Amino acid sequence: MTLILFNKPFGVLSQFTDKGTEGSTRPTLSSYVNVPKVYPAGRLDRDSEGLLLLTDDGRLQARIAHPKFKKPKTYLVQVEGTPTGAQVDALRTGVTLKDGPTRPAKCQTIDPPALWERDPPVRFRKSVPDAWLRLTITEGRNRQVRRMTAHVGLPCLRLVRWSIGEWSLDGLGLGDWRDA
């Protein structure tokens, strides 16, 4: 069984080939990981960064990705605005999105983390403050963290998945991977 921890850069597709438009040159996992027969366990959007697990074990892939297993996923989220206690509490108790209520999340404001530079950089506006949250969810709906923070009035500027269950990005550089 193979399990790989990969620090996915911004703009990279979470797949090995680009099935987009003809002649597309979007970067994929094949630009970084040259290991045969491994596949992502779950998704990480092209405009998100951070931990992506890859495995050749279908049962492990299901245990990592399927919401019924409630595997905690922790994100570092840069948001536009200054979070209030009410906004953080709303994320902690769960919010109701178009596809139904979310499970309660662990959420706290944090100091800006020491991360790699993003390419392209996050837009900066002098007149609008930004802040960082550490948010842990146990489900994985499409663009869930972005939708949750927007729902409480904190649009997401940058999203970095830091950990999935017991696996984290600790010591893993941008675009690098290692065996678990």
N, C-alpha and C. Protein backbone atom coordinates (compact mmCIF):
# COMPACT_ATOMS: atom_id res chain seq x y z
N MET A 1 0.83 -1.18 0.00
CA MET A 1 0.00 0.00 0.00
C MET A 1 0.88 1.25 0.00
N THR A 2 0.53 2.20 -0.84
CA THR A 2 1.25 3.46 -0.94
C THR A 2 0.34 4.58 -0.45
N LEU A 3 0.91 5.47 0.38
CA LEU A 3 0.21 6.68 0.79
C LEU A 3 1.20 7.83 0.70
N ILE A 4 0.86 8.83 -0.09
CA ILE A 4 1.73 9.98 -0.33
C ILE A 4 1.07 11.24 0.20
N LEU A 5 1.85 12.08 0.89
CA LEU A 5 1.43 13.40 1.32
C LEU A 5 2.03 14.39 0.35
N PHE A 6 1.20 15.20 -0.28
CA PHE A 6 1.64 16.16 -1.30
C PHE A 6 1.17 17.56 -0.91
N ASN A 7 2.07 18.54 -0.98
CA ASN A 7 1.74 19.93 -0.71
C ASN A 7 1.40 20.59 -2.05
N LYS A 8 0.11 20.60 -2.39
CA LYS A 8 -0.36 21.07 -3.69
C LYS A 8 -0.30 22.60 -3.77
N PRO A 9 0.39 23.11 -4.79
CA PRO A 9 0.41 24.57 -4.98
C PRO A 9 -0.92 25.09 -5.54
N PHE A 10 -1.12 26.37 -5.38
CA PHE A 10 -2.26 27.08 -5.98
C PHE A 10 -2.20 26.89 -7.49
N GLY A 11 -3.35 26.67 -8.11
CA GLY A 11 -3.42 26.57 -9.57
C GLY A 11 -3.21 25.19 -10.14
N VAL A 12 -2.85 24.22 -9.30
CA VAL A 12 -2.62 22.86 -9.78
C VAL A 12 -3.92 22.06 -9.65
N LEU A 13 -4.29 21.34 -10.72
CA LEU A 13 -5.47 20.49 -10.68
C LEU A 13 -5.19 19.25 -9.85
N SER A 14 -6.19 18.78 -9.10
CA SER A 14 -6.03 17.58 -8.26
C SER A 14 -6.31 16.31 -9.06
N GLN A 15 -5.67 16.23 -10.22
CA GLN A 15 -5.78 15.06 -11.08
C GLN A 15 -4.50 14.99 -11.91
N PHE A 16 -4.29 13.84 -12.56
CA PHE A 16 -3.04 13.64 -13.30
C PHE A 16 -3.09 14.10 -14.75
N THR A 17 -4.28 14.30 -15.29
CA THR A 17 -4.41 14.82 -16.65
C THR A 17 -5.43 15.95 -16.65
N ASP A 18 -5.29 16.85 -17.60
CA ASP A 18 -6.22 17.96 -17.73
C ASP A 18 -7.23 17.61 -18.81
N LYS A 19 -8.45 17.36 -18.39
CA LYS A 19 -9.50 17.01 -19.33
C LYS A 19 -10.31 18.24 -19.71
N GLY A 20 -9.71 19.39 -19.59
CA GLY A 20 -10.39 20.64 -19.91
C GLY A 20 -10.41 20.88 -21.41
N THR A 21 -10.32 22.12 -21.79
CA THR A 21 -10.41 22.48 -23.20
C THR A 21 -9.20 21.96 -23.97
N GLU A 22 -9.42 21.74 -25.25
CA GLU A 22 -8.35 21.28 -26.15
C GLU A 22 -7.17 22.25 -26.08
N GLY A 23 -5.98 21.71 -25.95
CA GLY A 23 -4.78 22.54 -25.91
C GLY A 23 -4.52 23.20 -24.57
N SER A 24 -5.29 22.83 -23.55
CA SER A 24 -5.12 23.42 -22.23
C SER A 24 -3.76 23.03 -21.64
N THR A 25 -3.17 23.94 -20.91
CA THR A 25 -1.86 23.66 -20.31
C THR A 25 -1.88 23.90 -18.81
N ARG A 26 -3.02 23.64 -18.16
CA ARG A 26 -3.08 23.83 -16.71
C ARG A 26 -2.22 22.77 -16.03
N PRO A 27 -1.47 23.16 -14.99
CA PRO A 27 -0.62 22.17 -14.31
C PRO A 27 -1.46 21.13 -13.57
N THR A 28 -0.97 19.89 -13.56
CA THR A 28 -1.64 18.77 -12.91
C THR A 28 -0.68 18.09 -11.95
N LEU A 29 -1.17 17.08 -11.26
CA LEU A 29 -0.33 16.32 -10.33
C LEU A 29 0.86 15.68 -11.03
N SER A 30 0.70 15.34 -12.33
CA SER A 30 1.80 14.68 -13.05
C SER A 30 3.04 15.57 -13.16
N SER A 31 2.88 16.88 -12.96
CA SER A 31 4.03 17.78 -12.97
C SER A 31 4.87 17.64 -11.70
N TYR A 32 4.31 16.98 -10.68
CA TYR A 32 4.97 16.91 -9.37
C TYR A 32 5.21 15.49 -8.86
N VAL A 33 4.28 14.59 -9.11
CA VAL A 33 4.33 13.24 -8.53
C VAL A 33 4.43 12.23 -9.65
N ASN A 34 5.57 11.51 -9.69
CA ASN A 34 5.78 10.49 -10.71
C ASN A 34 5.78 9.11 -10.05
N VAL A 35 4.63 8.76 -9.50
CA VAL A 35 4.46 7.45 -8.85
C VAL A 35 3.28 6.78 -9.55
N PRO A 36 3.48 5.57 -10.09
CA PRO A 36 2.39 4.94 -10.82
C PRO A 36 1.25 4.46 -9.92
N LYS A 37 0.04 4.51 -10.46
CA LYS A 37 -1.16 3.92 -9.87
C LYS A 37 -1.60 4.51 -8.54
N VAL A 38 -1.25 5.77 -8.27
CA VAL A 38 -1.81 6.44 -7.09
C VAL A 38 -2.82 7.47 -7.57
N TYR A 39 -3.84 7.68 -6.72
CA TYR A 39 -4.92 8.60 -7.05
C TYR A 39 -5.25 9.44 -5.82
N PRO A 40 -5.76 10.66 -6.02
CA PRO A 40 -6.10 11.51 -4.88
C PRO A 40 -7.21 10.90 -4.04
N ALA A 41 -7.05 11.01 -2.74
CA ALA A 41 -8.10 10.62 -1.79
C ALA A 41 -8.83 11.89 -1.41
N GLY A 42 -9.86 12.22 -2.17
CA GLY A 42 -10.58 13.46 -1.97
C GLY A 42 -10.14 14.51 -2.99
N ARG A 43 -10.68 15.71 -2.82
CA ARG A 43 -10.42 16.79 -3.76
C ARG A 43 -9.79 17.97 -3.03
N LEU A 44 -9.11 18.77 -3.80
CA LEU A 44 -8.66 20.07 -3.33
C LEU A 44 -8.73 20.98 -4.56
N ASP A 45 -9.59 21.98 -4.49
CA ASP A 45 -9.84 22.83 -5.65
C ASP A 45 -8.56 23.44 -6.20
N ARG A 46 -8.62 23.78 -7.47
CA ARG A 46 -7.48 24.39 -8.15
C ARG A 46 -7.02 25.66 -7.45
N ASP A 47 -7.97 26.43 -6.89
CA ASP A 47 -7.61 27.69 -6.24
C ASP A 47 -7.36 27.54 -4.73
N SER A 48 -7.18 26.29 -4.29
CA SER A 48 -6.81 26.01 -2.90
C SER A 48 -5.43 25.37 -2.89
N GLU A 49 -4.78 25.45 -1.73
CA GLU A 49 -3.42 24.93 -1.59
C GLU A 49 -3.39 23.93 -0.46
N GLY A 50 -2.27 23.20 -0.37
CA GLY A 50 -2.04 22.40 0.81
C GLY A 50 -2.12 20.91 0.62
N LEU A 51 -2.44 20.22 1.72
CA LEU A 51 -2.32 18.78 1.80
C LEU A 51 -3.31 18.05 0.90
N LEU A 52 -2.75 17.20 0.06
CA LEU A 52 -3.52 16.28 -0.76
C LEU A 52 -2.91 14.91 -0.55
N LEU A 53 -3.74 13.94 -0.18
CA LEU A 53 -3.27 12.57 0.01
C LEU A 53 -3.51 11.78 -1.27
N LEU A 54 -2.52 10.97 -1.64
CA LEU A 54 -2.64 10.11 -2.81
C LEU A 54 -2.35 8.68 -2.38
N THR A 55 -3.13 7.74 -2.89
CA THR A 55 -2.94 6.34 -2.50
C THR A 55 -3.29 5.41 -3.66
N ASP A 56 -2.79 4.19 -3.56
CA ASP A 56 -3.15 3.14 -4.52
C ASP A 56 -4.14 2.15 -3.90
N ASP A 57 -4.62 2.46 -2.68
CA ASP A 57 -5.52 1.58 -1.94
C ASP A 57 -6.93 2.18 -1.95
N GLY A 58 -7.84 1.56 -2.70
CA GLY A 58 -9.20 2.07 -2.83
C GLY A 58 -9.95 2.14 -1.52
N ARG A 59 -9.74 1.16 -0.64
CA ARG A 59 -10.43 1.17 0.65
C ARG A 59 -9.94 2.32 1.52
N LEU A 60 -8.63 2.55 1.53
CA LEU A 60 -8.08 3.68 2.28
C LEU A 60 -8.57 5.00 1.68
N GLN A 61 -8.60 5.07 0.37
CA GLN A 61 -9.09 6.27 -0.31
C GLN A 61 -10.51 6.60 0.16
N ALA A 62 -11.36 5.59 0.25
CA ALA A 62 -12.75 5.80 0.71
C ALA A 62 -12.79 6.23 2.17
N ARG A 63 -11.96 5.62 3.03
CA ARG A 63 -11.95 5.99 4.46
C ARG A 63 -11.48 7.43 4.66
N ILE A 64 -10.60 7.90 3.79
CA ILE A 64 -10.11 9.27 3.91
C ILE A 64 -11.14 10.26 3.38
N ALA A 65 -11.74 9.96 2.24
CA ALA A 65 -12.55 10.94 1.52
C ALA A 65 -14.03 10.92 1.85
N HIS A 66 -14.59 9.79 2.21
CA HIS A 66 -16.05 9.71 2.37
C HIS A 66 -16.50 10.39 3.66
N PRO A 67 -17.52 11.27 3.58
CA PRO A 67 -17.98 12.00 4.77
C PRO A 67 -18.47 11.12 5.92
N LYS A 68 -18.92 9.91 5.63
CA LYS A 68 -19.45 9.06 6.72
C LYS A 68 -18.37 8.70 7.73
N PHE A 69 -17.10 8.79 7.34
CA PHE A 69 -16.01 8.46 8.27
C PHE A 69 -15.59 9.66 9.11
N LYS A 70 -16.12 10.85 8.80
CA LYS A 70 -15.93 12.07 9.60
C LYS A 70 -14.45 12.36 9.89
N LYS A 71 -13.58 12.12 8.92
CA LYS A 71 -12.15 12.40 9.08
C LYS A 71 -11.96 13.92 9.18
N PRO A 72 -11.40 14.43 10.29
CA PRO A 72 -11.24 15.89 10.42
C PRO A 72 -10.24 16.45 9.41
N LYS A 73 -10.59 17.58 8.83
CA LYS A 73 -9.73 18.28 7.88
C LYS A 73 -9.56 19.70 8.41
N THR A 74 -8.31 20.10 8.61
CA THR A 74 -8.03 21.43 9.16
C THR A 74 -7.48 22.33 8.08
N TYR A 75 -8.05 23.53 8.02
CA TYR A 75 -7.68 24.53 7.02
C TYR A 75 -7.20 25.80 7.70
N LEU A 76 -6.22 26.46 7.08
CA LEU A 76 -5.83 27.81 7.46
C LEU A 76 -6.46 28.71 6.42
N VAL A 77 -7.31 29.63 6.87
CA VAL A 77 -8.14 30.41 5.97
C VAL A 77 -7.90 31.89 6.17
N GLN A 78 -7.43 32.55 5.12
CA GLN A 78 -7.31 34.01 5.16
C GLN A 78 -8.63 34.57 4.66
N VAL A 79 -9.24 35.41 5.49
CA VAL A 79 -10.55 35.98 5.15
C VAL A 79 -10.47 37.49 5.06
N GLU A 80 -11.39 38.03 4.29
CA GLU A 80 -11.52 39.48 4.19
C GLU A 80 -12.38 39.95 5.35
N GLY A 81 -11.88 40.93 6.09
CA GLY A 81 -12.62 41.44 7.23
C GLY A 81 -12.00 41.00 8.54
N THR A 82 -12.56 41.49 9.62
CA THR A 82 -12.12 41.13 10.97
C THR A 82 -13.22 40.29 11.61
N PRO A 83 -12.95 39.02 11.88
CA PRO A 83 -14.01 38.14 12.43
C PRO A 83 -14.49 38.61 13.80
N THR A 84 -15.79 38.60 13.96
CA THR A 84 -16.40 38.92 15.25
C THR A 84 -16.64 37.62 16.00
N GLY A 85 -16.91 37.73 17.29
CA GLY A 85 -17.25 36.55 18.08
C GLY A 85 -18.47 35.84 17.53
N ALA A 86 -19.45 36.60 17.06
CA ALA A 86 -20.67 36.01 16.51
C ALA A 86 -20.39 35.22 15.24
N GLN A 87 -19.49 35.74 14.39
CA GLN A 87 -19.16 35.03 13.15
C GLN A 87 -18.42 33.72 13.45
N VAL A 88 -17.47 33.78 14.38
CA VAL A 88 -16.73 32.56 14.76
C VAL A 88 -17.68 31.56 15.40
N ASP A 89 -18.57 32.03 16.28
CA ASP A 89 -19.54 31.13 16.92
C ASP A 89 -20.46 30.48 15.89
N ALA A 90 -20.87 31.23 14.87
CA ALA A 90 -21.73 30.66 13.82
C ALA A 90 -21.01 29.52 13.10
N LEU A 91 -19.72 29.69 12.82
CA LEU A 91 -18.96 28.62 12.18
C LEU A 91 -18.84 27.41 13.11
N ARG A 92 -18.68 27.69 14.41
CA ARG A 92 -18.56 26.60 15.39
C ARG A 92 -19.84 25.78 15.53
N THR A 93 -20.98 26.43 15.42
CA THR A 93 -22.25 25.71 15.60
C THR A 93 -22.77 25.12 14.31
N GLY A 94 -22.23 25.58 13.17
CA GLY A 94 -22.68 25.12 11.87
C GLY A 94 -23.59 26.15 11.23
N VAL A 95 -23.50 26.28 9.94
CA VAL A 95 -24.32 27.24 9.20
C VAL A 95 -25.17 26.48 8.19
N THR A 96 -26.25 27.11 7.75
CA THR A 96 -27.10 26.48 6.76
C THR A 96 -26.78 27.03 5.38
N LEU A 97 -26.26 26.16 4.53
CA LEU A 97 -25.93 26.52 3.15
C LEU A 97 -27.07 26.08 2.25
N LYS A 98 -26.97 26.36 0.96
CA LYS A 98 -28.03 25.98 0.02
C LYS A 98 -28.28 24.48 0.02
N ASP A 99 -27.23 23.69 0.27
CA ASP A 99 -27.39 22.23 0.28
C ASP A 99 -27.59 21.67 1.69
N GLY A 100 -28.01 22.53 2.63
CA GLY A 100 -28.35 22.08 3.97
C GLY A 100 -27.37 22.54 5.03
N PRO A 101 -27.68 22.21 6.29
CA PRO A 101 -26.82 22.65 7.39
C PRO A 101 -25.50 21.88 7.41
N THR A 102 -24.44 22.59 7.81
CA THR A 102 -23.13 21.95 7.97
C THR A 102 -23.03 21.41 9.39
N ARG A 103 -22.15 20.46 9.56
CA ARG A 103 -21.84 19.99 10.91
C ARG A 103 -21.09 21.11 11.64
N PRO A 104 -21.15 21.11 12.96
CA PRO A 104 -20.34 22.10 13.70
C PRO A 104 -18.86 21.95 13.35
N ALA A 105 -18.16 23.07 13.35
CA ALA A 105 -16.74 23.09 13.03
C ALA A 105 -15.96 23.60 14.24
N LYS A 106 -14.71 23.24 14.31
CA LYS A 106 -13.81 23.88 15.27
C LYS A 106 -13.28 25.11 14.56
N CYS A 107 -13.30 26.24 15.22
CA CYS A 107 -12.87 27.48 14.58
C CYS A 107 -12.24 28.41 15.61
N GLN A 108 -11.13 29.00 15.23
CA GLN A 108 -10.50 30.01 16.06
C GLN A 108 -9.74 30.99 15.17
N THR A 109 -9.63 32.23 15.63
CA THR A 109 -8.78 33.19 14.94
C THR A 109 -7.34 32.88 15.32
N ILE A 110 -6.43 33.08 14.37
CA ILE A 110 -5.01 32.81 14.62
C ILE A 110 -4.18 33.97 14.05
N ASP A 111 -2.94 34.05 14.50
CA ASP A 111 -2.00 34.99 13.92
C ASP A 111 -1.67 34.52 12.51
N PRO A 112 -1.26 35.41 11.63
CA PRO A 112 -0.90 34.98 10.27
C PRO A 112 0.16 33.88 10.33
N PRO A 113 -0.11 32.74 9.69
CA PRO A 113 0.85 31.63 9.76
C PRO A 113 2.07 31.88 8.87
N ALA A 114 3.17 31.22 9.19
CA ALA A 114 4.39 31.30 8.38
C ALA A 114 4.24 30.31 7.22
N LEU A 115 3.74 30.81 6.10
CA LEU A 115 3.52 29.98 4.92
C LEU A 115 4.40 30.45 3.78
N TRP A 116 4.49 29.65 2.76
CA TRP A 116 5.17 30.00 1.52
C TRP A 116 4.41 31.15 0.84
N GLU A 117 5.10 31.86 -0.04
CA GLU A 117 4.44 32.90 -0.83
C GLU A 117 3.53 32.23 -1.85
N ARG A 118 2.38 32.82 -2.07
CA ARG A 118 1.49 32.26 -3.08
C ARG A 118 1.74 32.94 -4.41
N ASP A 119 1.66 32.17 -5.48
CA ASP A 119 1.82 32.69 -6.83
C ASP A 119 0.57 32.36 -7.64
N PRO A 120 -0.25 33.37 -7.99
CA PRO A 120 -0.08 34.80 -7.76
C PRO A 120 -0.41 35.16 -6.32
N PRO A 121 0.11 36.29 -5.85
CA PRO A 121 -0.18 36.69 -4.47
C PRO A 121 -1.66 37.02 -4.28
N VAL A 122 -2.10 36.93 -3.03
CA VAL A 122 -3.46 37.33 -2.68
C VAL A 122 -3.56 38.84 -2.86
N ARG A 123 -4.68 39.28 -3.42
CA ARG A 123 -4.85 40.72 -3.62
C ARG A 123 -4.87 41.42 -2.25
N PHE A 124 -4.23 42.55 -2.18
CA PHE A 124 -4.16 43.32 -0.94
C PHE A 124 -4.90 44.63 -1.14
N ARG A 125 -5.77 44.96 -0.18
CA ARG A 125 -6.48 46.24 -0.23
C ARG A 125 -6.24 46.96 1.08
N LYS A 126 -5.67 48.16 0.97
CA LYS A 126 -5.34 48.93 2.16
C LYS A 126 -6.55 49.23 3.02
N SER A 127 -7.70 49.44 2.40
CA SER A 127 -8.89 49.86 3.13
C SER A 127 -9.69 48.70 3.73
N VAL A 128 -9.32 47.46 3.41
CA VAL A 128 -10.07 46.30 3.91
C VAL A 128 -9.13 45.39 4.69
N PRO A 129 -9.37 45.21 5.99
CA PRO A 129 -8.49 44.34 6.77
C PRO A 129 -8.72 42.87 6.40
N ASP A 130 -7.75 42.06 6.74
CA ASP A 130 -7.93 40.62 6.58
C ASP A 130 -7.47 39.94 7.86
N ALA A 131 -7.84 38.67 8.00
CA ALA A 131 -7.51 37.91 9.21
C ALA A 131 -7.38 36.44 8.84
N TRP A 132 -6.89 35.66 9.77
CA TRP A 132 -6.71 34.21 9.56
C TRP A 132 -7.54 33.43 10.56
N LEU A 133 -8.11 32.34 10.08
CA LEU A 133 -8.84 31.40 10.91
C LEU A 133 -8.22 30.02 10.76
N ARG A 134 -8.29 29.23 11.83
CA ARG A 134 -8.01 27.79 11.76
C ARG A 134 -9.38 27.13 11.87
N LEU A 135 -9.78 26.42 10.82
CA LEU A 135 -11.12 25.84 10.74
C LEU A 135 -11.00 24.34 10.48
N THR A 136 -11.64 23.54 11.33
CA THR A 136 -11.62 22.09 11.17
C THR A 136 -13.04 21.60 10.94
N ILE A 137 -13.23 20.88 9.83
CA ILE A 137 -14.53 20.33 9.48
C ILE A 137 -14.43 18.81 9.39
N THR A 138 -15.58 18.14 9.47
CA THR A 138 -15.59 16.68 9.39
C THR A 138 -16.46 16.18 8.24
N GLU A 139 -16.69 17.05 7.29
CA GLU A 139 -17.37 16.65 6.06
C GLU A 139 -16.59 17.29 4.92
N GLY A 140 -16.99 17.14 3.71
CA GLY A 140 -16.20 17.68 2.62
C GLY A 140 -17.05 18.03 1.41
N ARG A 141 -18.02 18.89 1.62
CA ARG A 141 -18.84 19.31 0.48
C ARG A 141 -18.03 20.19 -0.46
N ASN A 142 -18.53 20.31 -1.67
CA ASN A 142 -17.87 21.13 -2.67
C ASN A 142 -17.71 22.57 -2.18
N ARG A 143 -16.47 23.03 -2.13
CA ARG A 143 -16.11 24.40 -1.73
C ARG A 143 -16.73 24.79 -0.38
N GLN A 144 -16.84 23.83 0.52
CA GLN A 144 -17.54 24.04 1.78
C GLN A 144 -16.95 25.15 2.63
N VAL A 145 -15.65 25.15 2.85
CA VAL A 145 -15.04 26.16 3.72
C VAL A 145 -15.26 27.56 3.14
N ARG A 146 -15.06 27.71 1.85
CA ARG A 146 -15.29 29.01 1.21
C ARG A 146 -16.74 29.46 1.38
N ARG A 147 -17.67 28.52 1.19
CA ARG A 147 -19.10 28.87 1.32
C ARG A 147 -19.46 29.19 2.76
N MET A 148 -18.87 28.47 3.72
CA MET A 148 -19.16 28.73 5.12
C MET A 148 -18.68 30.12 5.54
N THR A 149 -17.44 30.46 5.20
CA THR A 149 -16.92 31.77 5.61
C THR A 149 -17.67 32.90 4.90
N ALA A 150 -18.01 32.72 3.64
CA ALA A 150 -18.79 33.73 2.92
C ALA A 150 -20.17 33.89 3.56
N HIS A 151 -20.76 32.79 3.98
CA HIS A 151 -22.10 32.83 4.59
C HIS A 151 -22.13 33.72 5.84
N VAL A 152 -21.04 33.72 6.60
CA VAL A 152 -21.01 34.55 7.81
C VAL A 152 -20.41 35.93 7.55
N GLY A 153 -20.18 36.27 6.27
CA GLY A 153 -19.70 37.61 5.92
C GLY A 153 -18.19 37.76 5.91
N LEU A 154 -17.48 36.64 5.76
CA LEU A 154 -16.02 36.68 5.72
C LEU A 154 -15.53 35.98 4.44
N PRO A 155 -15.52 36.69 3.31
CA PRO A 155 -15.08 36.05 2.06
C PRO A 155 -13.66 35.51 2.17
N CYS A 156 -13.44 34.34 1.60
CA CYS A 156 -12.14 33.66 1.66
C CYS A 156 -11.19 34.26 0.62
N LEU A 157 -9.99 34.63 1.07
CA LEU A 157 -8.96 35.14 0.18
C LEU A 157 -7.94 34.05 -0.15
N ARG A 158 -7.65 33.21 0.82
CA ARG A 158 -6.66 32.14 0.64
C ARG A 158 -7.07 30.96 1.49
N LEU A 159 -6.94 29.76 0.92
CA LEU A 159 -7.35 28.55 1.63
C LEU A 159 -6.25 27.51 1.53
N VAL A 160 -5.73 27.10 2.69
CA VAL A 160 -4.64 26.12 2.76
C VAL A 160 -5.10 24.96 3.63
N ARG A 161 -5.21 23.76 3.05
CA ARG A 161 -5.53 22.60 3.89
C ARG A 161 -4.25 22.17 4.57
N TRP A 162 -4.28 22.19 5.90
CA TRP A 162 -3.09 21.90 6.68
C TRP A 162 -3.02 20.43 7.07
N SER A 163 -4.17 19.81 7.39
CA SER A 163 -4.12 18.41 7.81
C SER A 163 -5.40 17.68 7.46
N ILE A 164 -5.26 16.36 7.37
CA ILE A 164 -6.38 15.44 7.20
C ILE A 164 -6.13 14.33 8.21
N GLY A 165 -7.01 14.22 9.21
CA GLY A 165 -6.80 13.21 10.25
C GLY A 165 -5.44 13.41 10.89
N GLU A 166 -4.65 12.34 10.93
CA GLU A 166 -3.33 12.39 11.58
C GLU A 166 -2.22 12.88 10.66
N TRP A 167 -2.50 13.12 9.39
CA TRP A 167 -1.48 13.54 8.44
C TRP A 167 -1.50 15.06 8.28
N SER A 168 -0.29 15.68 8.24
CA SER A 168 -0.23 17.13 8.11
C SER A 168 0.91 17.55 7.20
N LEU A 169 0.94 18.84 6.90
CA LEU A 169 1.98 19.42 6.05
C LEU A 169 3.28 19.70 6.78
N ASP A 170 3.34 19.45 8.09
CA ASP A 170 4.55 19.76 8.86
C ASP A 170 5.80 19.29 8.11
N GLY A 171 6.72 20.24 7.85
CA GLY A 171 7.99 19.92 7.23
C GLY A 171 7.94 19.64 5.74
N LEU A 172 6.82 19.88 5.09
CA LEU A 172 6.68 19.57 3.67
C LEU A 172 6.60 20.87 2.87
N GLY A 173 7.57 21.11 2.01
CA GLY A 173 7.62 22.34 1.22
C GLY A 173 6.60 22.35 0.10
N LEU A 174 6.33 23.51 -0.43
CA LEU A 174 5.37 23.68 -1.51
C LEU A 174 5.80 22.88 -2.74
N GLY A 175 4.89 22.07 -3.27
CA GLY A 175 5.16 21.25 -4.45
C GLY A 175 5.92 19.98 -4.15
N ASP A 176 6.25 19.74 -2.85
CA ASP A 176 6.98 18.54 -2.45
C ASP A 176 6.02 17.46 -1.98
N TRP A 177 6.51 16.21 -1.97
CA TRP A 177 5.72 15.10 -1.46
C TRP A 177 6.64 14.14 -0.73
N ARG A 178 6.01 13.31 0.10
CA ARG A 178 6.76 12.26 0.82
C ARG A 178 5.81 11.12 1.10
N ASP A 179 6.38 9.95 1.32
CA ASP A 179 5.60 8.80 1.74
C ASP A 179 5.16 9.01 3.18
N ALA A 180 3.95 8.56 3.49
CA ALA A 180 3.43 8.68 4.86
C ALA A 180 4.04 7.61 5.75
